[in-house]
Amino acid sequence: MFYKKNDEGYHSRVKGIDQKTLIYGERTLLAEFRLAKGSILPKHSHPNEQTGYLISGHMIFTVGDKRYDAQAGDSWCIPMNAPHSAEIVEDSVAVEVFSPLREDYLPDKK
């Protein structure tokens, strides 16, 4: 499978946070997020390990009871089932890999 960049297919699951699945296989899924300044990703958890890279912007993550200040070039790995949230300090773009793949992010599961 190969993905060619385009600006179609973004979905807003939370106000100010647009997500697009770029590509996926049997065990992993790669997603891009466009996050607007001032947005909040509410506390949640899921049965997927989540590894990410902040391409641009500034975010503050809370994982469990610890806070992490992420700026462009920083990366993270959030364990499976770990409660986490994020505050978007500046307009940001991030990419994340989920394993096992997030079924709710598959293109036909909008």
N, C-alpha and C. Protein backbone atom coordinates (compact mmCIF):
# COMPACT_ATOMS: atom_id res chain seq x y z
N MET A 1 0.85 -1.17 0.00
CA MET A 1 0.00 0.00 0.00
C MET A 1 0.89 1.23 0.00
N PHE A 2 0.48 2.27 -0.71
CA PHE A 2 1.24 3.51 -0.82
C PHE A 2 0.28 4.68 -0.74
N TYR A 3 0.66 5.73 -0.03
CA TYR A 3 -0.19 6.92 0.11
C TYR A 3 0.46 8.08 -0.61
N LYS A 4 -0.31 8.77 -1.43
CA LYS A 4 0.15 9.98 -2.13
C LYS A 4 -0.53 11.18 -1.48
N LYS A 5 0.22 12.16 -1.00
CA LYS A 5 -0.31 13.31 -0.28
C LYS A 5 -1.43 14.02 -1.03
N ASN A 6 -2.50 14.32 -0.26
CA ASN A 6 -3.58 15.17 -0.76
C ASN A 6 -4.30 15.77 0.45
N ASP A 7 -5.14 16.77 0.23
CA ASP A 7 -5.81 17.46 1.33
C ASP A 7 -7.23 16.98 1.56
N GLU A 8 -7.59 15.83 1.05
CA GLU A 8 -8.94 15.30 1.24
C GLU A 8 -8.93 14.26 2.36
N GLY A 9 -10.11 14.00 2.91
CA GLY A 9 -10.27 12.90 3.84
C GLY A 9 -10.06 13.20 5.31
N TYR A 10 -9.98 14.47 5.70
CA TYR A 10 -9.83 14.81 7.12
C TYR A 10 -11.20 14.76 7.79
N HIS A 11 -11.22 14.30 9.04
CA HIS A 11 -12.45 14.20 9.82
C HIS A 11 -12.23 14.87 11.16
N SER A 12 -13.23 15.61 11.60
CA SER A 12 -13.16 16.27 12.89
C SER A 12 -13.95 15.44 13.90
N ARG A 13 -13.23 14.73 14.75
CA ARG A 13 -13.87 13.93 15.79
C ARG A 13 -14.04 14.74 17.07
N VAL A 14 -13.19 15.75 17.23
CA VAL A 14 -13.24 16.69 18.34
C VAL A 14 -13.06 18.07 17.74
N LYS A 15 -13.83 19.07 18.20
CA LYS A 15 -13.73 20.42 17.64
C LYS A 15 -12.28 20.92 17.66
N GLY A 16 -11.80 21.37 16.50
CA GLY A 16 -10.44 21.91 16.39
C GLY A 16 -9.37 20.87 16.15
N ILE A 17 -9.77 19.60 16.07
CA ILE A 17 -8.79 18.53 15.85
C ILE A 17 -9.26 17.70 14.67
N ASP A 18 -8.53 17.80 13.56
CA ASP A 18 -8.86 17.07 12.34
C ASP A 18 -7.88 15.92 12.17
N GLN A 19 -8.42 14.75 11.88
CA GLN A 19 -7.62 13.52 11.75
C GLN A 19 -7.83 12.92 10.37
N LYS A 20 -6.74 12.41 9.83
CA LYS A 20 -6.80 11.71 8.55
C LYS A 20 -5.93 10.46 8.63
N THR A 21 -6.49 9.32 8.28
CA THR A 21 -5.69 8.10 8.18
C THR A 21 -4.91 8.18 6.87
N LEU A 22 -3.59 8.09 6.98
CA LEU A 22 -2.75 8.17 5.79
C LEU A 22 -2.59 6.80 5.14
N ILE A 23 -2.29 5.80 5.97
CA ILE A 23 -2.05 4.46 5.45
C ILE A 23 -2.13 3.46 6.60
N TYR A 24 -2.43 2.22 6.28
CA TYR A 24 -2.51 1.20 7.33
C TYR A 24 -2.20 -0.16 6.73
N GLY A 25 -1.81 -1.06 7.62
CA GLY A 25 -1.53 -2.43 7.23
C GLY A 25 -2.29 -3.37 8.16
N GLU A 26 -1.77 -4.56 8.33
CA GLU A 26 -2.43 -5.53 9.20
C GLU A 26 -2.28 -5.19 10.69
N ARG A 27 -1.15 -4.56 11.08
CA ARG A 27 -0.87 -4.34 12.49
C ARG A 27 -0.70 -2.90 12.90
N THR A 28 -0.53 -1.98 11.96
CA THR A 28 -0.30 -0.58 12.30
C THR A 28 -1.15 0.34 11.44
N LEU A 29 -1.36 1.55 11.95
CA LEU A 29 -2.09 2.58 11.22
C LEU A 29 -1.37 3.90 11.45
N LEU A 30 -1.15 4.66 10.37
CA LEU A 30 -0.50 5.96 10.44
C LEU A 30 -1.53 7.04 10.18
N ALA A 31 -1.63 8.01 11.11
CA ALA A 31 -2.61 9.08 10.98
C ALA A 31 -1.92 10.44 11.11
N GLU A 32 -2.49 11.43 10.44
CA GLU A 32 -2.03 12.81 10.56
C GLU A 32 -3.11 13.59 11.29
N PHE A 33 -2.68 14.49 12.15
CA PHE A 33 -3.59 15.34 12.90
C PHE A 33 -3.24 16.80 12.67
N ARG A 34 -4.27 17.60 12.36
CA ARG A 34 -4.14 19.05 12.29
C ARG A 34 -4.92 19.58 13.49
N LEU A 35 -4.21 20.28 14.37
CA LEU A 35 -4.78 20.67 15.66
C LEU A 35 -4.76 22.19 15.80
N ALA A 36 -5.91 22.78 16.09
CA ALA A 36 -6.03 24.23 16.19
C ALA A 36 -5.68 24.72 17.59
N LYS A 37 -5.00 25.85 17.64
CA LYS A 37 -4.64 26.48 18.90
C LYS A 37 -5.87 26.61 19.79
N GLY A 38 -5.71 26.26 21.07
CA GLY A 38 -6.79 26.38 22.03
C GLY A 38 -7.68 25.15 22.14
N SER A 39 -7.51 24.19 21.24
CA SER A 39 -8.31 22.96 21.29
C SER A 39 -7.85 22.08 22.44
N ILE A 40 -8.77 21.24 22.90
CA ILE A 40 -8.47 20.29 23.97
C ILE A 40 -8.86 18.90 23.49
N LEU A 41 -7.93 17.98 23.58
CA LEU A 41 -8.23 16.57 23.35
C LEU A 41 -8.60 15.99 24.71
N PRO A 42 -9.87 15.65 24.91
CA PRO A 42 -10.30 15.18 26.23
C PRO A 42 -9.58 13.90 26.65
N LYS A 43 -9.53 13.69 27.96
CA LYS A 43 -8.91 12.49 28.52
C LYS A 43 -9.63 11.25 27.99
N HIS A 44 -8.84 10.29 27.53
CA HIS A 44 -9.38 9.05 26.98
C HIS A 44 -8.29 7.98 27.03
N SER A 45 -8.66 6.77 26.71
CA SER A 45 -7.69 5.69 26.57
C SER A 45 -8.21 4.73 25.50
N HIS A 46 -7.31 3.90 25.00
CA HIS A 46 -7.69 2.92 23.98
C HIS A 46 -6.68 1.77 24.02
N PRO A 47 -7.04 0.64 23.45
CA PRO A 47 -6.17 -0.54 23.51
C PRO A 47 -5.07 -0.55 22.45
N ASN A 48 -4.60 0.66 22.07
CA ASN A 48 -3.57 0.80 21.05
C ASN A 48 -2.38 1.54 21.63
N GLU A 49 -1.17 1.03 21.37
CA GLU A 49 0.02 1.82 21.66
C GLU A 49 0.02 2.95 20.64
N GLN A 50 0.44 4.15 21.07
CA GLN A 50 0.35 5.35 20.23
C GLN A 50 1.72 6.02 20.21
N THR A 51 2.39 5.99 19.07
CA THR A 51 3.71 6.60 18.92
C THR A 51 3.58 7.77 17.97
N GLY A 52 4.05 8.95 18.41
CA GLY A 52 3.83 10.14 17.60
C GLY A 52 5.05 11.03 17.46
N TYR A 53 4.93 11.97 16.52
CA TYR A 53 5.97 12.94 16.21
C TYR A 53 5.28 14.27 15.92
N LEU A 54 5.71 15.33 16.59
CA LEU A 54 5.14 16.65 16.37
C LEU A 54 5.91 17.35 15.25
N ILE A 55 5.26 17.49 14.12
CA ILE A 55 5.89 18.12 12.95
C ILE A 55 6.04 19.62 13.16
N SER A 56 4.97 20.25 13.64
CA SER A 56 5.02 21.69 13.90
C SER A 56 4.07 22.02 15.04
N GLY A 57 4.34 23.14 15.73
CA GLY A 57 3.45 23.60 16.77
C GLY A 57 3.94 23.31 18.17
N HIS A 58 2.97 23.30 19.11
CA HIS A 58 3.28 23.16 20.53
C HIS A 58 2.05 22.58 21.21
N MET A 59 2.24 21.49 21.95
CA MET A 59 1.16 20.81 22.66
C MET A 59 1.63 20.43 24.05
N ILE A 60 0.69 20.31 24.97
CA ILE A 60 1.00 19.79 26.30
C ILE A 60 0.17 18.54 26.49
N PHE A 61 0.87 17.42 26.66
CA PHE A 61 0.22 16.13 26.88
C PHE A 61 0.13 15.84 28.37
N THR A 62 -0.93 15.19 28.77
CA THR A 62 -1.02 14.61 30.10
C THR A 62 -1.23 13.12 29.90
N VAL A 63 -0.31 12.33 30.44
CA VAL A 63 -0.40 10.87 30.36
C VAL A 63 -0.39 10.37 31.80
N GLY A 64 -1.51 9.77 32.20
CA GLY A 64 -1.65 9.42 33.62
C GLY A 64 -1.67 10.71 34.42
N ASP A 65 -0.74 10.86 35.36
CA ASP A 65 -0.68 12.09 36.15
C ASP A 65 0.56 12.93 35.81
N LYS A 66 1.22 12.63 34.67
CA LYS A 66 2.41 13.36 34.26
C LYS A 66 2.11 14.25 33.06
N ARG A 67 2.71 15.45 33.06
CA ARG A 67 2.53 16.39 31.94
C ARG A 67 3.82 16.46 31.13
N TYR A 68 3.68 16.57 29.83
CA TYR A 68 4.82 16.64 28.92
C TYR A 68 4.61 17.81 27.96
N ASP A 69 5.60 18.66 27.86
CA ASP A 69 5.56 19.82 26.98
C ASP A 69 6.21 19.42 25.65
N ALA A 70 5.40 19.30 24.59
CA ALA A 70 5.91 18.84 23.29
C ALA A 70 5.98 20.01 22.31
N GLN A 71 7.14 20.15 21.69
CA GLN A 71 7.33 21.17 20.67
C GLN A 71 7.82 20.50 19.39
N ALA A 72 7.78 21.23 18.29
CA ALA A 72 8.15 20.68 17.00
C ALA A 72 9.45 19.89 17.10
N GLY A 73 9.43 18.66 16.57
CA GLY A 73 10.59 17.78 16.60
C GLY A 73 10.55 16.77 17.74
N ASP A 74 9.65 16.96 18.70
CA ASP A 74 9.54 16.02 19.82
C ASP A 74 8.68 14.82 19.42
N SER A 75 8.87 13.72 20.13
CA SER A 75 8.11 12.50 19.85
C SER A 75 7.70 11.84 21.16
N TRP A 76 6.78 10.88 21.08
CA TRP A 76 6.23 10.23 22.26
C TRP A 76 5.75 8.83 21.94
N CYS A 77 5.58 8.06 22.98
CA CYS A 77 4.96 6.74 22.89
C CYS A 77 4.07 6.59 24.11
N ILE A 78 2.77 6.49 23.88
CA ILE A 78 1.79 6.35 24.95
C ILE A 78 1.39 4.88 25.02
N PRO A 79 1.55 4.25 26.17
CA PRO A 79 1.23 2.82 26.29
C PRO A 79 -0.26 2.52 26.06
N MET A 80 -0.52 1.28 25.73
CA MET A 80 -1.91 0.80 25.58
C MET A 80 -2.67 1.07 26.87
N ASN A 81 -3.92 1.50 26.74
CA ASN A 81 -4.86 1.72 27.84
C ASN A 81 -4.45 2.82 28.83
N ALA A 82 -3.44 3.61 28.51
CA ALA A 82 -3.03 4.70 29.40
C ALA A 82 -3.95 5.91 29.20
N PRO A 83 -4.56 6.42 30.25
CA PRO A 83 -5.39 7.63 30.11
C PRO A 83 -4.50 8.80 29.69
N HIS A 84 -4.94 9.55 28.68
CA HIS A 84 -4.15 10.68 28.20
C HIS A 84 -5.07 11.75 27.61
N SER A 85 -4.53 12.98 27.57
CA SER A 85 -5.23 14.13 27.01
C SER A 85 -4.18 15.08 26.47
N ALA A 86 -4.64 16.15 25.78
CA ALA A 86 -3.69 17.13 25.25
C ALA A 86 -4.34 18.51 25.16
N GLU A 87 -3.52 19.52 25.43
CA GLU A 87 -3.90 20.91 25.23
C GLU A 87 -3.09 21.41 24.03
N ILE A 88 -3.75 22.07 23.09
CA ILE A 88 -3.06 22.55 21.90
C ILE A 88 -2.68 24.02 22.14
N VAL A 89 -1.40 24.29 22.34
CA VAL A 89 -0.91 25.62 22.67
C VAL A 89 -0.78 26.50 21.42
N GLU A 90 -0.35 25.91 20.31
CA GLU A 90 -0.23 26.60 19.02
C GLU A 90 -0.83 25.69 17.95
N ASP A 91 -1.24 26.27 16.82
CA ASP A 91 -1.63 25.41 15.70
C ASP A 91 -0.54 24.38 15.50
N SER A 92 -0.93 23.12 15.35
CA SER A 92 0.06 22.04 15.33
C SER A 92 -0.29 21.00 14.28
N VAL A 93 0.72 20.27 13.84
CA VAL A 93 0.55 19.11 12.96
C VAL A 93 1.37 17.98 13.57
N ALA A 94 0.71 16.82 13.73
CA ALA A 94 1.38 15.64 14.29
C ALA A 94 1.04 14.43 13.45
N VAL A 95 1.95 13.46 13.45
CA VAL A 95 1.66 12.15 12.86
C VAL A 95 1.82 11.11 13.96
N GLU A 96 0.94 10.10 13.93
CA GLU A 96 0.99 9.06 14.95
C GLU A 96 0.75 7.70 14.33
N VAL A 97 1.43 6.71 14.91
CA VAL A 97 1.26 5.31 14.53
C VAL A 97 0.52 4.63 15.68
N PHE A 98 -0.49 3.85 15.34
CA PHE A 98 -1.25 3.09 16.32
C PHE A 98 -1.07 1.60 16.06
N SER A 99 -0.80 0.86 17.14
CA SER A 99 -0.65 -0.59 17.02
C SER A 99 -1.27 -1.24 18.24
N PRO A 100 -2.13 -2.23 18.07
CA PRO A 100 -2.63 -2.67 16.77
C PRO A 100 -3.40 -1.53 16.10
N LEU A 101 -3.68 -1.68 14.83
CA LEU A 101 -4.31 -0.59 14.11
C LEU A 101 -5.65 -0.23 14.74
N ARG A 102 -5.97 1.06 14.69
CA ARG A 102 -7.23 1.55 15.26
C ARG A 102 -8.33 1.33 14.25
N GLU A 103 -9.20 0.40 14.54
CA GLU A 103 -10.30 0.07 13.63
C GLU A 103 -11.22 1.27 13.42
N ASP A 104 -11.40 2.10 14.47
CA ASP A 104 -12.29 3.26 14.33
C ASP A 104 -11.69 4.35 13.44
N TYR A 105 -10.41 4.23 13.07
CA TYR A 105 -9.77 5.19 12.17
C TYR A 105 -9.70 4.67 10.74
N LEU A 106 -10.18 3.48 10.47
CA LEU A 106 -10.17 2.98 9.10
C LEU A 106 -11.08 3.85 8.25
N PRO A 107 -10.68 4.16 7.01
CA PRO A 107 -11.43 5.10 6.17
C PRO A 107 -12.91 4.78 6.02
N ASP A 108 -13.31 3.52 6.02
CA ASP A 108 -14.73 3.18 5.86
C ASP A 108 -15.50 3.24 7.17
N LYS A 109 -14.83 3.65 8.29
CA LYS A 109 -15.47 3.70 9.61
C LYS A 109 -15.69 5.14 10.08
N LYS A 110 -15.87 6.07 9.16
CA LYS A 110 -16.02 7.50 9.47
C LYS A 110 -17.00 7.66 10.54
